[in-house]
Full PDB file with SEQRES, HELIX, SHEET, SSBOND, CRYST1, ORIGX, SCALE, CONECT and MASTER records, all heavy atoms in Angstrom:
SEQRES   1 A   31  ALA ASP ASN LEU TYR CYS TYR TRP ILE MET TYR ARG THR          
SEQRES   2 A   31  HIS ASP LEU TYR CYS ARG TRP ARG ILE HIS LEU PHE ARG          
SEQRES   3 A   31  LYS SER THR ASN SER                                          
HELIX    1 AA1 ASP A    2  THR A   13  1                                  12    
CRYST1    1.000    1.000    1.000  90.00  90.00  90.00 P 1           1          
ORIGX1      1.000000  0.000000  0.000000        0.00000                         
ORIGX2      0.000000  1.000000  0.000000        0.00000                         
ORIGX3      0.000000  0.000000  1.000000        0.00000                         
SCALE1      1.000000  0.000000  0.000000        0.00000                         
SCALE2      0.000000  1.000000  0.000000        0.00000                         
SCALE3      0.000000  0.000000  1.000000        0.00000                         
ATOM      1  N   ALA A   1     111.515 117.521  84.398  1.00  0.00           N  
ATOM      2  CA  ALA A   1     110.516 117.871  83.389  1.00  0.00           C  
ATOM      3  C   ALA A   1     109.205 118.236  84.063  1.00  0.00           C  
ATOM      4  O   ALA A   1     108.528 119.182  83.652  1.00  0.00           O  
ATOM      5  CB  ALA A   1     110.341 116.738  82.427  1.00  0.00           C  
ATOM      6  N   ASP A   2     108.839 117.459  85.086  1.00  0.00           N  
ATOM      7  CA  ASP A   2     107.580 117.755  85.807  1.00  0.00           C  
ATOM      8  C   ASP A   2     107.663 119.135  86.453  1.00  0.00           C  
ATOM      9  O   ASP A   2     106.719 119.925  86.443  1.00  0.00           O  
ATOM     10  CB  ASP A   2     107.350 116.689  86.869  1.00  0.00           C  
ATOM     11  CG  ASP A   2     106.132 116.962  87.715  1.00  0.00           C  
ATOM     12  OD1 ASP A   2     105.000 116.902  87.171  1.00  0.00           O  
ATOM     13  OD2 ASP A   2     106.273 117.277  88.916  1.00  0.00           O  
ATOM     14  N   ASN A   3     108.821 119.456  87.042  1.00  0.00           N  
ATOM     15  CA  ASN A   3     109.014 120.760  87.688  1.00  0.00           C  
ATOM     16  C   ASN A   3     108.890 121.884  86.671  1.00  0.00           C  
ATOM     17  O   ASN A   3     108.162 122.870  86.922  1.00  0.00           O  
ATOM     18  CB  ASN A   3     110.419 120.784  88.350  1.00  0.00           C  
ATOM     19  CG  ASN A   3     110.619 122.079  89.134  1.00  0.00           C  
ATOM     20  OD1 ASN A   3     111.196 123.029  88.607  1.00  0.00           O  
ATOM     21  ND2 ASN A   3     110.215 122.095  90.380  1.00  0.00           N  
ATOM     22  N   LEU A   4     109.495 121.762  85.521  1.00  0.00           N  
ATOM     23  CA  LEU A   4     109.424 122.767  84.493  1.00  0.00           C  
ATOM     24  C   LEU A   4     108.030 122.909  83.949  1.00  0.00           C  
ATOM     25  O   LEU A   4     107.513 124.032  83.689  1.00  0.00           O  
ATOM     26  CB  LEU A   4     110.381 122.476  83.335  1.00  0.00           C  
ATOM     27  CG  LEU A   4     111.892 122.541  83.690  1.00  0.00           C  
ATOM     28  CD1 LEU A   4     112.709 122.042  82.500  1.00  0.00           C  
ATOM     29  CD2 LEU A   4     112.214 123.981  84.030  1.00  0.00           C  
ATOM     30  N   TYR A   5     107.325 121.772  83.736  1.00  0.00           N  
ATOM     31  CA  TYR A   5     105.964 121.800  83.218  1.00  0.00           C  
ATOM     32  C   TYR A   5     105.014 122.484  84.192  1.00  0.00           C  
ATOM     33  O   TYR A   5     104.208 123.340  83.781  1.00  0.00           O  
ATOM     34  CB  TYR A   5     105.510 120.346  82.986  1.00  0.00           C  
ATOM     35  CG  TYR A   5     104.036 120.265  82.607  1.00  0.00           C  
ATOM     36  CD1 TYR A   5     103.572 120.707  81.365  1.00  0.00           C  
ATOM     37  CD2 TYR A   5     103.080 119.734  83.511  1.00  0.00           C  
ATOM     38  CE1 TYR A   5     102.225 120.625  81.004  1.00  0.00           C  
ATOM     39  CE2 TYR A   5     101.758 119.627  83.183  1.00  0.00           C  
ATOM     40  CZ  TYR A   5     101.309 120.062  81.933  1.00  0.00           C  
ATOM     41  OH  TYR A   5      99.986 120.007  81.623  1.00  0.00           O  
ATOM     42  N   CYS A   6     105.142 122.194  85.492  1.00  0.00           N  
ATOM     43  CA  CYS A   6     104.232 122.775  86.473  1.00  0.00           C  
ATOM     44  C   CYS A   6     104.551 124.258  86.628  1.00  0.00           C  
ATOM     45  O   CYS A   6     103.621 125.062  86.869  1.00  0.00           O  
ATOM     46  CB  CYS A   6     104.376 122.028  87.798  1.00  0.00           C  
ATOM     47  SG  CYS A   6     103.757 120.349  87.720  1.00  0.00           S  
ATOM     48  N   TYR A   7     105.808 124.639  86.526  1.00  0.00           N  
ATOM     49  CA  TYR A   7     106.175 126.078  86.546  1.00  0.00           C  
ATOM     50  C   TYR A   7     105.514 126.803  85.341  1.00  0.00           C  
ATOM     51  O   TYR A   7     105.073 127.920  85.427  1.00  0.00           O  
ATOM     52  CB  TYR A   7     107.682 126.247  86.531  1.00  0.00           C  
ATOM     53  CG  TYR A   7     108.195 126.897  87.801  1.00  0.00           C  
ATOM     54  CD1 TYR A   7     108.502 126.155  88.913  1.00  0.00           C  
ATOM     55  CD2 TYR A   7     108.350 128.273  87.849  1.00  0.00           C  
ATOM     56  CE1 TYR A   7     109.017 126.759  90.070  1.00  0.00           C  
ATOM     57  CE2 TYR A   7     108.811 128.892  89.017  1.00  0.00           C  
ATOM     58  CZ  TYR A   7     109.154 128.121  90.112  1.00  0.00           C  
ATOM     59  OH  TYR A   7     109.613 128.715  91.247  1.00  0.00           O  
ATOM     60  N   TRP A   8     105.519 126.105  84.191  1.00  0.00           N  
ATOM     61  CA  TRP A   8     104.920 126.660  82.981  1.00  0.00           C  
ATOM     62  C   TRP A   8     103.386 126.888  83.212  1.00  0.00           C  
ATOM     63  O   TRP A   8     102.837 127.912  82.802  1.00  0.00           O  
ATOM     64  CB  TRP A   8     105.177 125.770  81.802  1.00  0.00           C  
ATOM     65  CG  TRP A   8     104.425 126.199  80.568  1.00  0.00           C  
ATOM     66  CD1 TRP A   8     103.451 125.536  79.913  1.00  0.00           C  
ATOM     67  CD2 TRP A   8     104.662 127.391  79.790  1.00  0.00           C  
ATOM     68  NE1 TRP A   8     103.016 126.242  78.825  1.00  0.00           N  
ATOM     69  CE2 TRP A   8     103.751 127.360  78.720  1.00  0.00           C  
ATOM     70  CE3 TRP A   8     105.550 128.459  79.917  1.00  0.00           C  
ATOM     71  CZ2 TRP A   8     103.698 128.363  77.744  1.00  0.00           C  
ATOM     72  CZ3 TRP A   8     105.462 129.477  78.944  1.00  0.00           C  
ATOM     73  CH2 TRP A   8     104.537 129.429  77.866  1.00  0.00           C  
ATOM     74  N   ILE A   9     102.748 125.926  83.847  1.00  0.00           N  
ATOM     75  CA  ILE A   9     101.307 126.068  84.138  1.00  0.00           C  
ATOM     76  C   ILE A   9     101.078 127.259  85.034  1.00  0.00           C  
ATOM     77  O   ILE A   9     100.185 128.070  84.821  1.00  0.00           O  
ATOM     78  CB  ILE A   9     100.778 124.771  84.781  1.00  0.00           C  
ATOM     79  CG1 ILE A   9     100.749 123.618  83.780  1.00  0.00           C  
ATOM     80  CG2 ILE A   9      99.368 125.005  85.328  1.00  0.00           C  
ATOM     81  CD1 ILE A   9     100.315 122.304  84.364  1.00  0.00           C  
ATOM     82  N   MET A  10     101.926 127.402  86.074  1.00  0.00           N  
ATOM     83  CA  MET A  10     101.759 128.540  87.004  1.00  0.00           C  
ATOM     84  C   MET A  10     102.036 129.846  86.296  1.00  0.00           C  
ATOM     85  O   MET A  10     101.390 130.860  86.545  1.00  0.00           O  
ATOM     86  CB  MET A  10     102.696 128.363  88.224  1.00  0.00           C  
ATOM     87  CG  MET A  10     102.227 127.227  89.137  1.00  0.00           C  
ATOM     88  SD  MET A  10     103.197 127.143  90.719  1.00  0.00           S  
ATOM     89  CE  MET A  10     104.769 126.492  90.130  1.00  0.00           C  
ATOM     90  N   TYR A  11     102.988 129.848  85.361  1.00  0.00           N  
ATOM     91  CA  TYR A  11     103.299 131.019  84.560  1.00  0.00           C  
ATOM     92  C   TYR A  11     102.109 131.448  83.744  1.00  0.00           C  
ATOM     93  O   TYR A  11     101.765 132.627  83.621  1.00  0.00           O  
ATOM     94  CB  TYR A  11     104.534 130.789  83.718  1.00  0.00           C  
ATOM     95  CG  TYR A  11     104.838 131.880  82.748  1.00  0.00           C  
ATOM     96  CD1 TYR A  11     105.451 133.081  83.170  1.00  0.00           C  
ATOM     97  CD2 TYR A  11     104.552 131.778  81.398  1.00  0.00           C  
ATOM     98  CE1 TYR A  11     105.736 134.121  82.317  1.00  0.00           C  
ATOM     99  CE2 TYR A  11     104.828 132.774  80.511  1.00  0.00           C  
ATOM    100  CZ  TYR A  11     105.414 133.949  80.959  1.00  0.00           C  
ATOM    101  OH  TYR A  11     105.683 134.931  80.055  1.00  0.00           O  
ATOM    102  N   ARG A  12     101.446 130.487  83.130  1.00  0.00           N  
ATOM    103  CA  ARG A  12     100.341 130.742  82.221  1.00  0.00           C  
ATOM    104  C   ARG A  12      99.095 131.187  82.985  1.00  0.00           C  
ATOM    105  O   ARG A  12      98.334 132.076  82.551  1.00  0.00           O  
ATOM    106  CB  ARG A  12      99.988 129.557  81.345  1.00  0.00           C  
ATOM    107  CG  ARG A  12     101.088 129.187  80.331  1.00  0.00           C  
ATOM    108  CD  ARG A  12     100.624 128.127  79.399  1.00  0.00           C  
ATOM    109  NE  ARG A  12      99.480 128.577  78.604  1.00  0.00           N  
ATOM    110  CZ  ARG A  12      98.831 127.812  77.753  1.00  0.00           C  
ATOM    111  NH1 ARG A  12      99.189 126.558  77.586  1.00  0.00           N  
ATOM    112  NH2 ARG A  12      97.803 128.278  77.057  1.00  0.00           N  
ATOM    113  N   THR A  13      98.866 130.563  84.155  1.00  0.00           N  
ATOM    114  CA  THR A  13      97.662 130.853  84.902  1.00  0.00           C  
ATOM    115  C   THR A  13      97.844 131.952  85.976  1.00  0.00           C  
ATOM    116  O   THR A  13      96.904 132.478  86.508  1.00  0.00           O  
ATOM    117  CB  THR A  13      97.160 129.601  85.646  1.00  0.00           C  
ATOM    118  OG1 THR A  13      98.161 129.140  86.548  1.00  0.00           O  
ATOM    119  CG2 THR A  13      96.869 128.496  84.646  1.00  0.00           C  
ATOM    120  N   HIS A  14      99.105 132.281  86.242  1.00  0.00           N  
ATOM    121  CA  HIS A  14      99.463 133.191  87.317  1.00  0.00           C  
ATOM    122  C   HIS A  14      98.807 132.806  88.647  1.00  0.00           C  
ATOM    123  O   HIS A  14      98.290 133.660  89.367  1.00  0.00           O  
ATOM    124  CB  HIS A  14      99.019 134.641  86.947  1.00  0.00           C  
ATOM    125  CG  HIS A  14      99.723 135.168  85.728  1.00  0.00           C  
ATOM    126  ND1 HIS A  14     101.109 135.467  85.718  1.00  0.00           N  
ATOM    127  CD2 HIS A  14      99.300 135.464  84.491  1.00  0.00           C  
ATOM    128  CE1 HIS A  14     101.453 135.881  84.524  1.00  0.00           C  
ATOM    129  NE2 HIS A  14     100.375 135.889  83.750  1.00  0.00           N  
ATOM    130  N   ASP A  15      98.846 131.508  88.900  1.00  0.00           N  
ATOM    131  CA  ASP A  15      98.244 130.971  90.108  1.00  0.00           C  
ATOM    132  C   ASP A  15      98.974 129.719  90.504  1.00  0.00           C  
ATOM    133  O   ASP A  15      99.687 129.089  89.688  1.00  0.00           O  
ATOM    134  CB  ASP A  15      96.773 130.676  89.851  1.00  0.00           C  
ATOM    135  CG  ASP A  15      96.006 130.497  91.160  1.00  0.00           C  
ATOM    136  OD1 ASP A  15      96.566 130.731  92.237  1.00  0.00           O  
ATOM    137  OD2 ASP A  15      94.815 130.143  91.089  1.00  0.00           O  
ATOM    138  N   LEU A  16      98.872 129.344  91.795  1.00  0.00           N  
ATOM    139  CA  LEU A  16      99.502 128.138  92.245  1.00  0.00           C  
ATOM    140  C   LEU A  16      98.827 126.923  91.574  1.00  0.00           C  
ATOM    141  O   LEU A  16      97.629 126.986  91.246  1.00  0.00           O  
ATOM    142  CB  LEU A  16      99.355 128.014  93.772  1.00  0.00           C  
ATOM    143  CG  LEU A  16     100.097 129.092  94.568  1.00  0.00           C  
ATOM    144  CD1 LEU A  16      99.758 128.988  96.066  1.00  0.00           C  
ATOM    145  CD2 LEU A  16     101.610 128.982  94.374  1.00  0.00           C  
ATOM    146  N   TYR A  17      99.578 125.860  91.398  1.00  0.00           N  
ATOM    147  CA  TYR A  17      99.084 124.631  90.726  1.00  0.00           C  
ATOM    148  C   TYR A  17      98.623 123.631  91.771  1.00  0.00           C  
ATOM    149  O   TYR A  17      99.333 122.749  92.151  1.00  0.00           O  
ATOM    150  CB  TYR A  17     100.210 124.095  89.844  1.00  0.00           C  
ATOM    151  CG  TYR A  17      99.774 122.868  89.062  1.00  0.00           C  
ATOM    152  CD1 TYR A  17      98.608 122.831  88.303  1.00  0.00           C  
ATOM    153  CD2 TYR A  17     100.643 121.783  89.021  1.00  0.00           C  
ATOM    154  CE1 TYR A  17      98.281 121.699  87.602  1.00  0.00           C  
ATOM    155  CE2 TYR A  17     100.304 120.638  88.270  1.00  0.00           C  
ATOM    156  CZ  TYR A  17      99.131 120.619  87.579  1.00  0.00           C  
ATOM    157  OH  TYR A  17      98.777 119.520  86.838  1.00  0.00           O  
ATOM    158  N   CYS A  18      97.401 123.780  92.236  1.00  0.00           N  
ATOM    159  CA  CYS A  18      96.890 122.887  93.284  1.00  0.00           C  
ATOM    160  C   CYS A  18      95.982 121.790  92.630  1.00  0.00           C  
ATOM    161  O   CYS A  18      94.833 122.048  92.268  1.00  0.00           O  
ATOM    162  CB  CYS A  18      96.057 123.651  94.295  1.00  0.00           C  
ATOM    163  SG  CYS A  18      95.513 122.657  95.699  1.00  0.00           S  
ATOM    164  N   ARG A  19      96.537 120.617  92.447  1.00  0.00           N  
ATOM    165  CA  ARG A  19      95.791 119.508  91.852  1.00  0.00           C  
ATOM    166  C   ARG A  19      94.965 118.771  92.889  1.00  0.00           C  
ATOM    167  O   ARG A  19      93.885 118.254  92.595  1.00  0.00           O  
ATOM    168  CB  ARG A  19      96.810 118.504  91.166  1.00  0.00           C  
ATOM    169  CG  ARG A  19      97.456 119.048  89.953  1.00  0.00           C  
ATOM    170  CD  ARG A  19      98.229 117.934  89.248  1.00  0.00           C  
ATOM    171  NE  ARG A  19      97.324 116.895  88.786  1.00  0.00           N  
ATOM    172  CZ  ARG A  19      97.757 115.757  88.247  1.00  0.00           C  
ATOM    173  NH1 ARG A  19      99.061 115.550  88.126  1.00  0.00           N  
ATOM    174  NH2 ARG A  19      96.893 114.823  87.860  1.00  0.00           N  
ATOM    175  N   TRP A  20      95.498 118.658  94.107  1.00  0.00           N  
ATOM    176  CA  TRP A  20      94.774 118.015  95.174  1.00  0.00           C  
ATOM    177  C   TRP A  20      95.188 118.592  96.492  1.00  0.00           C  
ATOM    178  O   TRP A  20      96.269 119.074  96.656  1.00  0.00           O  
ATOM    179  CB  TRP A  20      94.987 116.452  95.158  1.00  0.00           C  
ATOM    180  CG  TRP A  20      96.420 116.029  95.237  1.00  0.00           C  
ATOM    181  CD1 TRP A  20      97.291 115.793  94.239  1.00  0.00           C  
ATOM    182  CD2 TRP A  20      97.176 115.841  96.467  1.00  0.00           C  
ATOM    183  NE1 TRP A  20      98.530 115.410  94.733  1.00  0.00           N  
ATOM    184  CE2 TRP A  20      98.481 115.435  96.097  1.00  0.00           C  
ATOM    185  CE3 TRP A  20      96.838 115.936  97.816  1.00  0.00           C  
ATOM    186  CZ2 TRP A  20      99.460 115.140  97.044  1.00  0.00           C  
ATOM    187  CZ3 TRP A  20      97.863 115.634  98.763  1.00  0.00           C  
ATOM    188  CH2 TRP A  20      99.137 115.258  98.369  1.00  0.00           C  
ATOM    189  N   ARG A  21      94.238 118.486  97.446  1.00  0.00           N  
ATOM    190  CA  ARG A  21      94.516 118.934  98.781  1.00  0.00           C  
ATOM    191  C   ARG A  21      93.657 118.135  99.768  1.00  0.00           C  
ATOM    192  O   ARG A  21      92.457 117.951  99.549  1.00  0.00           O  
ATOM    193  CB  ARG A  21      94.174 120.436  98.940  1.00  0.00           C  
ATOM    194  CG  ARG A  21      94.309 120.963 100.389  1.00  0.00           C  
ATOM    195  CD  ARG A  21      94.163 122.475 100.393  1.00  0.00           C  
ATOM    196  NE  ARG A  21      95.306 123.091  99.708  1.00  0.00           N  
ATOM    197  CZ  ARG A  21      95.409 124.392  99.488  1.00  0.00           C  
ATOM    198  NH1 ARG A  21      94.401 125.200  99.850  1.00  0.00           N  
ATOM    199  NH2 ARG A  21      96.480 124.930  98.875  1.00  0.00           N  
ATOM    200  N   ILE A  22      94.295 117.601 100.778  1.00  0.00           N  
ATOM    201  CA  ILE A  22      93.612 116.803 101.779  1.00  0.00           C  
ATOM    202  C   ILE A  22      93.603 117.555 103.111  1.00  0.00           C  
ATOM    203  O   ILE A  22      94.666 117.793 103.700  1.00  0.00           O  
ATOM    204  CB  ILE A  22      94.245 115.438 101.985  1.00  0.00           C  
ATOM    205  CG1 ILE A  22      94.271 114.611 100.680  1.00  0.00           C  
ATOM    206  CG2 ILE A  22      93.530 114.640 103.074  1.00  0.00           C  
ATOM    207  CD1 ILE A  22      94.969 113.299 100.779  1.00  0.00           C  
ATOM    208  N   HIS A  23      92.433 117.970 103.539  1.00  0.00           N  
ATOM    209  CA  HIS A  23      92.283 118.650 104.838  1.00  0.00           C  
ATOM    210  C   HIS A  23      92.280 117.550 105.955  1.00  0.00           C  
ATOM    211  O   HIS A  23      91.423 116.662 105.942  1.00  0.00           O  
ATOM    212  CB  HIS A  23      91.025 119.483 104.887  1.00  0.00           C  
ATOM    213  CG  HIS A  23      91.125 120.716 104.056  1.00  0.00           C  
ATOM    214  ND1 HIS A  23      91.486 121.963 104.562  1.00  0.00           N  
ATOM    215  CD2 HIS A  23      90.929 120.925 102.728  1.00  0.00           C  
ATOM    216  CE1 HIS A  23      91.514 122.869 103.607  1.00  0.00           C  
ATOM    217  NE2 HIS A  23      91.168 122.246 102.467  1.00  0.00           N  
ATOM    218  N   LEU A  24      93.213 117.671 106.879  1.00  0.00           N  
ATOM    219  CA  LEU A  24      93.319 116.656 107.895  1.00  0.00           C  
ATOM    220  C   LEU A  24      92.414 116.913 109.080  1.00  0.00           C  
ATOM    221  O   LEU A  24      92.025 115.984 109.773  1.00  0.00           O  
ATOM    222  CB  LEU A  24      94.761 116.622 108.372  1.00  0.00           C  
ATOM    223  CG  LEU A  24      95.818 116.371 107.300  1.00  0.00           C  
ATOM    224  CD1 LEU A  24      97.213 116.461 107.888  1.00  0.00           C  
ATOM    225  CD2 LEU A  24      95.605 115.026 106.670  1.00  0.00           C  
ATOM    226  N   PHE A  25      92.030 118.167 109.288  1.00  0.00           N  
ATOM    227  CA  PHE A  25      91.181 118.511 110.428  1.00  0.00           C  
ATOM    228  C   PHE A  25      90.091 119.406 109.968  1.00  0.00           C  
ATOM    229  O   PHE A  25      90.337 120.497 109.420  1.00  0.00           O  
ATOM    230  CB  PHE A  25      92.018 119.213 111.513  1.00  0.00           C  
ATOM    231  CG  PHE A  25      93.253 118.463 111.899  1.00  0.00           C  
ATOM    232  CD1 PHE A  25      94.492 118.903 111.471  1.00  0.00           C  
ATOM    233  CD2 PHE A  25      93.192 117.312 112.673  1.00  0.00           C  
ATOM    234  CE1 PHE A  25      95.677 118.226 111.775  1.00  0.00           C  
ATOM    235  CE2 PHE A  25      94.368 116.639 113.015  1.00  0.00           C  
ATOM    236  CZ  PHE A  25      95.594 117.052 112.551  1.00  0.00           C  
ATOM    237  N   ARG A  26      88.858 119.046 110.229  1.00  0.00           N  
ATOM    238  CA  ARG A  26      87.663 119.859 109.894  1.00  0.00           C  
ATOM    239  C   ARG A  26      86.713 119.784 111.050  1.00  0.00           C  
ATOM    240  O   ARG A  26      86.559 118.753 111.725  1.00  0.00           O  
ATOM    241  CB  ARG A  26      86.981 119.368 108.621  1.00  0.00           C  
ATOM    242  CG  ARG A  26      87.749 119.630 107.354  1.00  0.00           C  
ATOM    243  CD  ARG A  26      87.082 119.044 106.123  1.00  0.00           C  
ATOM    244  NE  ARG A  26      85.811 119.673 105.917  1.00  0.00           N  
ATOM    245  CZ  ARG A  26      85.598 120.811 105.249  1.00  0.00           C  
ATOM    246  NH1 ARG A  26      86.637 121.450 104.732  1.00  0.00           N  
ATOM    247  NH2 ARG A  26      84.395 121.317 105.104  1.00  0.00           N  
ATOM    248  N   LYS A  27      86.014 120.902 111.311  1.00  0.00           N  
ATOM    249  CA  LYS A  27      85.113 120.947 112.445  1.00  0.00           C  
ATOM    250  C   LYS A  27      83.890 120.011 112.217  1.00  0.00           C  
ATOM    251  O   LYS A  27      83.374 119.461 113.185  1.00  0.00           O  
ATOM    252  CB  LYS A  27      84.595 122.376 112.651  1.00  0.00           C  
ATOM    253  CG  LYS A  27      85.729 123.350 113.109  1.00  0.00           C  
ATOM    254  CD  LYS A  27      85.128 124.723 113.306  1.00  0.00           C  
ATOM    255  CE  LYS A  27      86.213 125.699 113.788  1.00  0.00           C  
ATOM    256  NZ  LYS A  27      85.685 127.067 113.990  1.00  0.00           N  
ATOM    257  N   SER A  28      83.499 119.863 111.009  1.00  0.00           N  
ATOM    258  CA  SER A  28      82.246 119.135 110.761  1.00  0.00           C  
ATOM    259  C   SER A  28      82.468 117.626 110.660  1.00  0.00           C  
ATOM    260  O   SER A  28      81.516 116.847 110.764  1.00  0.00           O  
ATOM    261  CB  SER A  28      81.582 119.645 109.459  1.00  0.00           C  
ATOM    262  OG  SER A  28      82.462 119.431 108.365  1.00  0.00           O  
ATOM    263  N   THR A  29      83.695 117.174 110.463  1.00  0.00           N  
ATOM    264  CA  THR A  29      83.914 115.739 110.323  1.00  0.00           C  
ATOM    265  C   THR A  29      85.341 115.441 110.707  1.00  0.00           C  
ATOM    266  O   THR A  29      86.220 116.288 110.663  1.00  0.00           O  
ATOM    267  CB  THR A  29      83.701 115.287 108.843  1.00  0.00           C  
ATOM    268  OG1 THR A  29      84.026 113.902 108.775  1.00  0.00           O  
ATOM    269  CG2 THR A  29      84.579 116.059 107.899  1.00  0.00           C  
ATOM    270  N   ASN A  30      85.543 114.216 111.148  1.00  0.00           N  
ATOM    271  CA  ASN A  30      86.867 113.792 111.590  1.00  0.00           C  
ATOM    272  C   ASN A  30      87.630 113.156 110.474  1.00  0.00           C  
ATOM    273  O   ASN A  30      88.804 112.745 110.600  1.00  0.00           O  
ATOM    274  CB  ASN A  30      86.799 112.821 112.762  1.00  0.00           C  
ATOM    275  CG  ASN A  30      86.288 113.512 114.032  1.00  0.00           C  
ATOM    276  OD1 ASN A  30      86.589 114.681 114.260  1.00  0.00           O  
ATOM    277  ND2 ASN A  30      85.500 112.804 114.825  1.00  0.00           N  
ATOM    278  N   SER A  31      86.970 112.908 109.329  1.00  0.00           N  
ATOM    279  CA  SER A  31      87.587 112.210 108.236  1.00  0.00           C  
ATOM    280  C   SER A  31      88.246 113.182 107.267  1.00  0.00           C  
ATOM    281  O   SER A  31      87.743 114.290 107.084  1.00  0.00           O  
ATOM    282  CB  SER A  31      86.581 111.347 107.465  1.00  0.00           C  
ATOM    283  OG  SER A  31      85.538 112.148 106.965  1.00  0.00           O  
TER     284      SER A  31                                                      
MASTER        0    0    0    1    0    0    0    6  283    1    0    3          
END                                                                             
């Protein structure tokens, strides 16, 4: 159900469904 729901969101927005993203490496900070 989660898969179908998220596909529906992507279908409606025509965009990837990015709820969160953690950058592991950044030049300005190590955290």
